[in-house]
Amino acid sequence: MKTRTITALLALAVFLPFIIIGHLPFTLFIYAMATIGFLELIRMRKIGSYLLPLSLGILLIWMMLLPTDSGFQSYLIYSKVEVFMLFVMLL
């Protein structure tokens, strides 16, 4: 129980500044956490680190995290769901 409490306090010390600051630092932090989580999942499932599926997976995660009100959406010909389905079929 002591270890969990210490871990929770350390996590709070790391996460809280990003939450308070918000905007770009928070967004970059979320992107980093999602990427680390994806890489942990790949390592846990022992899939291997093939460059193309790994790159497509990370790009897919970043695309799904992209806010809908960002200016990037205007450059896309297809909707976010259509691009997501294309990535899923490629994987």
N, C-alpha and C. Protein backbone atom coordinates (compact mmCIF):
# COMPACT_ATOMS: atom_id res chain seq x y z
N MET A 1 0.83 -1.19 0.00
CA MET A 1 0.00 0.00 0.00
C MET A 1 0.87 1.26 0.00
N LYS A 2 2.00 1.18 0.68
CA LYS A 2 2.91 2.32 0.75
C LYS A 2 3.46 2.66 -0.64
N THR A 3 3.80 1.63 -1.41
CA THR A 3 4.34 1.83 -2.76
C THR A 3 3.30 2.49 -3.66
N ARG A 4 2.06 2.06 -3.57
CA ARG A 4 0.99 2.65 -4.39
C ARG A 4 0.76 4.11 -4.03
N THR A 5 0.83 4.42 -2.77
CA THR A 5 0.64 5.81 -2.34
C THR A 5 1.76 6.70 -2.87
N ILE A 6 2.99 6.21 -2.77
CA ILE A 6 4.13 6.98 -3.28
C ILE A 6 4.02 7.16 -4.79
N THR A 7 3.64 6.11 -5.49
CA THR A 7 3.47 6.19 -6.95
C THR A 7 2.37 7.18 -7.31
N ALA A 8 1.27 7.15 -6.58
CA ALA A 8 0.17 8.08 -6.85
C ALA A 8 0.60 9.52 -6.62
N LEU A 9 1.36 9.77 -5.58
CA LEU A 9 1.83 11.13 -5.31
C LEU A 9 2.80 11.61 -6.38
N LEU A 10 3.68 10.72 -6.84
CA LEU A 10 4.60 11.09 -7.92
C LEU A 10 3.86 11.34 -9.22
N ALA A 11 2.87 10.51 -9.52
CA ALA A 11 2.08 10.71 -10.74
C ALA A 11 1.31 12.02 -10.67
N LEU A 12 0.78 12.33 -9.51
CA LEU A 12 0.07 13.59 -9.33
C LEU A 12 1.00 14.78 -9.54
N ALA A 13 2.23 14.66 -9.05
CA ALA A 13 3.21 15.74 -9.21
C ALA A 13 3.59 15.92 -10.68
N VAL A 14 3.55 14.86 -11.46
CA VAL A 14 3.89 14.96 -12.88
C VAL A 14 2.69 15.45 -13.69
N PHE A 15 1.51 14.88 -13.44
CA PHE A 15 0.33 15.19 -14.25
C PHE A 15 -0.28 16.55 -13.96
N LEU A 16 -0.28 16.97 -12.72
CA LEU A 16 -0.96 18.19 -12.32
C LEU A 16 -0.46 19.45 -13.02
N PRO A 17 0.85 19.65 -13.18
CA PRO A 17 1.29 20.86 -13.91
C PRO A 17 0.78 20.90 -15.35
N PHE A 18 0.75 19.76 -16.02
CA PHE A 18 0.25 19.73 -17.39
C PHE A 18 -1.24 20.05 -17.44
N ILE A 19 -1.98 19.58 -16.47
CA ILE A 19 -3.41 19.86 -16.42
C ILE A 19 -3.65 21.34 -16.13
N ILE A 20 -2.87 21.91 -15.24
CA ILE A 20 -3.05 23.32 -14.88
C ILE A 20 -2.64 24.22 -16.03
N ILE A 21 -1.50 23.94 -16.67
CA ILE A 21 -1.03 24.77 -17.78
C ILE A 21 -1.97 24.64 -18.98
N GLY A 22 -2.33 23.39 -19.31
CA GLY A 22 -3.27 23.16 -20.40
C GLY A 22 -2.71 23.47 -21.77
N HIS A 23 -3.58 23.62 -22.72
CA HIS A 23 -3.30 23.96 -24.12
C HIS A 23 -2.22 23.07 -24.73
N LEU A 24 -1.21 23.65 -25.34
CA LEU A 24 -0.21 22.88 -26.08
C LEU A 24 0.60 21.92 -25.21
N PRO A 25 1.10 22.31 -24.04
CA PRO A 25 1.84 21.33 -23.23
C PRO A 25 0.98 20.13 -22.83
N PHE A 26 -0.28 20.37 -22.51
CA PHE A 26 -1.17 19.26 -22.15
C PHE A 26 -1.41 18.36 -23.35
N THR A 27 -1.63 18.96 -24.52
CA THR A 27 -1.85 18.17 -25.73
C THR A 27 -0.63 17.32 -26.07
N LEU A 28 0.55 17.91 -26.00
CA LEU A 28 1.77 17.15 -26.28
C LEU A 28 1.99 16.04 -25.25
N PHE A 29 1.64 16.31 -24.00
CA PHE A 29 1.76 15.30 -22.96
C PHE A 29 0.82 14.13 -23.23
N ILE A 30 -0.41 14.41 -23.65
CA ILE A 30 -1.36 13.35 -23.97
C ILE A 30 -0.88 12.54 -25.17
N TYR A 31 -0.34 13.21 -26.18
CA TYR A 31 0.21 12.49 -27.34
C TYR A 31 1.36 11.58 -26.90
N ALA A 32 2.23 12.07 -26.04
CA ALA A 32 3.36 11.27 -25.56
C ALA A 32 2.86 10.07 -24.75
N MET A 33 1.88 10.28 -23.88
CA MET A 33 1.35 9.19 -23.07
C MET A 33 0.67 8.13 -23.94
N ALA A 34 -0.06 8.56 -24.96
CA ALA A 34 -0.72 7.61 -25.86
C ALA A 34 0.31 6.81 -26.66
N THR A 35 1.37 7.47 -27.10
CA THR A 35 2.42 6.78 -27.84
C THR A 35 3.15 5.78 -26.96
N ILE A 36 3.46 6.17 -25.74
CA ILE A 36 4.13 5.26 -24.80
C ILE A 36 3.22 4.06 -24.50
N GLY A 37 1.94 4.32 -24.31
CA GLY A 37 0.99 3.23 -24.07
C GLY A 37 0.91 2.27 -25.24
N PHE A 38 0.89 2.80 -26.46
CA PHE A 38 0.87 1.96 -27.66
C PHE A 38 2.12 1.11 -27.76
N LEU A 39 3.28 1.72 -27.51
CA LEU A 39 4.54 0.97 -27.58
C LEU A 39 4.60 -0.11 -26.49
N GLU A 40 4.05 0.18 -25.32
CA GLU A 40 3.98 -0.83 -24.26
C GLU A 40 3.08 -1.99 -24.67
N LEU A 41 1.96 -1.67 -25.33
CA LEU A 41 1.06 -2.72 -25.81
C LEU A 41 1.75 -3.60 -26.84
N ILE A 42 2.49 -2.99 -27.75
CA ILE A 42 3.23 -3.74 -28.77
C ILE A 42 4.26 -4.65 -28.10
N ARG A 43 4.98 -4.11 -27.11
CA ARG A 43 5.99 -4.91 -26.42
C ARG A 43 5.35 -6.03 -25.61
N MET A 44 4.22 -5.75 -24.96
CA MET A 44 3.54 -6.74 -24.13
C MET A 44 3.01 -7.90 -24.98
N ARG A 45 2.48 -7.58 -26.16
CA ARG A 45 1.93 -8.61 -27.04
C ARG A 45 3.02 -9.31 -27.85
N LYS A 46 4.27 -8.86 -27.72
CA LYS A 46 5.42 -9.43 -28.42
C LYS A 46 5.18 -9.50 -29.93
N ILE A 47 4.64 -8.41 -30.46
CA ILE A 47 4.34 -8.33 -31.88
C ILE A 47 5.61 -8.10 -32.69
N GLY A 48 6.55 -7.42 -32.13
CA GLY A 48 7.78 -7.10 -32.85
C GLY A 48 7.73 -5.64 -33.26
N SER A 49 8.84 -5.16 -33.65
CA SER A 49 8.91 -3.74 -33.99
C SER A 49 9.11 -3.56 -35.50
N TYR A 50 8.17 -4.07 -36.28
CA TYR A 50 8.21 -3.84 -37.71
C TYR A 50 7.90 -2.38 -37.96
N LEU A 51 8.67 -1.75 -38.79
CA LEU A 51 8.60 -0.30 -38.95
C LEU A 51 7.26 0.19 -39.50
N LEU A 52 6.74 -0.45 -40.54
CA LEU A 52 5.52 0.05 -41.16
C LEU A 52 4.31 -0.06 -40.24
N PRO A 53 4.00 -1.22 -39.65
CA PRO A 53 2.83 -1.28 -38.75
C PRO A 53 2.99 -0.38 -37.52
N LEU A 54 4.19 -0.30 -37.00
CA LEU A 54 4.44 0.54 -35.84
C LEU A 54 4.21 2.01 -36.18
N SER A 55 4.73 2.44 -37.32
CA SER A 55 4.56 3.83 -37.75
C SER A 55 3.10 4.14 -38.05
N LEU A 56 2.41 3.22 -38.73
CA LEU A 56 1.00 3.43 -39.03
C LEU A 56 0.16 3.48 -37.75
N GLY A 57 0.49 2.63 -36.79
CA GLY A 57 -0.24 2.63 -35.53
C GLY A 57 -0.07 3.93 -34.77
N ILE A 58 1.14 4.42 -34.70
CA ILE A 58 1.39 5.69 -34.00
C ILE A 58 0.71 6.83 -34.74
N LEU A 59 0.80 6.84 -36.06
CA LEU A 59 0.14 7.88 -36.84
C LEU A 59 -1.38 7.83 -36.66
N LEU A 60 -1.92 6.64 -36.57
CA LEU A 60 -3.36 6.48 -36.36
C LEU A 60 -3.78 7.02 -34.99
N ILE A 61 -3.00 6.73 -33.97
CA ILE A 61 -3.29 7.24 -32.63
C ILE A 61 -3.25 8.76 -32.62
N TRP A 62 -2.24 9.33 -33.23
CA TRP A 62 -2.11 10.79 -33.27
C TRP A 62 -3.27 11.42 -34.05
N MET A 63 -3.68 10.77 -35.14
CA MET A 63 -4.78 11.30 -35.93
C MET A 63 -6.09 11.27 -35.14
N MET A 64 -6.29 10.20 -34.38
CA MET A 64 -7.52 10.09 -33.59
C MET A 64 -7.52 11.09 -32.43
N LEU A 65 -6.37 11.47 -31.93
CA LEU A 65 -6.29 12.45 -30.85
C LEU A 65 -6.41 13.88 -31.36
N LEU A 66 -6.31 14.07 -32.66
CA LEU A 66 -6.37 15.41 -33.23
C LEU A 66 -7.73 16.03 -32.96
N PRO A 67 -7.76 17.21 -32.36
CA PRO A 67 -9.06 17.85 -32.09
C PRO A 67 -9.79 18.20 -33.37
N THR A 68 -11.11 18.15 -33.33
CA THR A 68 -11.89 18.43 -34.53
C THR A 68 -11.88 19.90 -34.90
N ASP A 69 -11.59 20.77 -33.95
CA ASP A 69 -11.59 22.20 -34.26
C ASP A 69 -10.22 22.71 -34.71
N SER A 70 -9.27 21.80 -34.94
CA SER A 70 -7.96 22.23 -35.40
C SER A 70 -8.03 22.58 -36.88
N GLY A 71 -7.12 23.37 -37.33
CA GLY A 71 -7.10 23.79 -38.73
C GLY A 71 -6.69 22.67 -39.67
N PHE A 72 -6.15 21.59 -39.13
CA PHE A 72 -5.68 20.48 -39.95
C PHE A 72 -6.84 19.76 -40.63
N GLN A 73 -8.01 19.75 -40.01
CA GLN A 73 -9.16 19.04 -40.57
C GLN A 73 -9.58 19.61 -41.92
N SER A 74 -9.33 20.89 -42.16
CA SER A 74 -9.73 21.48 -43.43
C SER A 74 -8.88 20.97 -44.60
N TYR A 75 -7.69 20.43 -44.30
CA TYR A 75 -6.83 19.91 -45.35
C TYR A 75 -7.18 18.48 -45.75
N LEU A 76 -7.95 17.80 -44.93
CA LEU A 76 -8.30 16.42 -45.23
C LEU A 76 -9.46 16.36 -46.21
N ILE A 77 -9.35 15.49 -47.19
CA ILE A 77 -10.44 15.29 -48.14
C ILE A 77 -11.49 14.39 -47.51
N TYR A 78 -11.03 13.43 -46.71
CA TYR A 78 -11.92 12.46 -46.09
C TYR A 78 -12.12 12.80 -44.62
N SER A 79 -13.17 12.24 -44.05
CA SER A 79 -13.43 12.47 -42.63
C SER A 79 -12.47 11.64 -41.78
N LYS A 80 -12.45 11.93 -40.51
CA LYS A 80 -11.57 11.23 -39.58
C LYS A 80 -11.91 9.73 -39.54
N VAL A 81 -13.17 9.40 -39.61
CA VAL A 81 -13.60 7.99 -39.56
C VAL A 81 -13.13 7.25 -40.81
N GLU A 82 -13.22 7.90 -41.97
CA GLU A 82 -12.78 7.25 -43.20
C GLU A 82 -11.27 7.01 -43.20
N VAL A 83 -10.52 7.97 -42.72
CA VAL A 83 -9.07 7.80 -42.63
C VAL A 83 -8.74 6.70 -41.62
N PHE A 84 -9.46 6.66 -40.51
CA PHE A 84 -9.27 5.61 -39.51
C PHE A 84 -9.50 4.23 -40.11
N MET A 85 -10.57 4.08 -40.87
CA MET A 85 -10.86 2.78 -41.50
C MET A 85 -9.78 2.40 -42.51
N LEU A 86 -9.25 3.38 -43.22
CA LEU A 86 -8.17 3.11 -44.17
C LEU A 86 -6.94 2.58 -43.43
N PHE A 87 -6.58 3.20 -42.31
CA PHE A 87 -5.44 2.74 -41.51
C PHE A 87 -5.69 1.33 -40.97
N VAL A 88 -6.90 1.07 -40.52
CA VAL A 88 -7.21 -0.26 -39.99
C VAL A 88 -7.06 -1.31 -41.08
N MET A 89 -7.51 -1.00 -42.28
CA MET A 89 -7.37 -1.95 -43.37
C MET A 89 -5.90 -2.14 -43.74
N LEU A 90 -5.10 -1.07 -43.66
CA LEU A 90 -3.68 -1.21 -43.96
C LEU A 90 -2.95 -2.05 -42.92
N LEU A 91 -3.37 -1.93 -41.68
CA LEU A 91 -2.73 -2.71 -40.63
C LEU A 91 -3.13 -4.17 -40.73
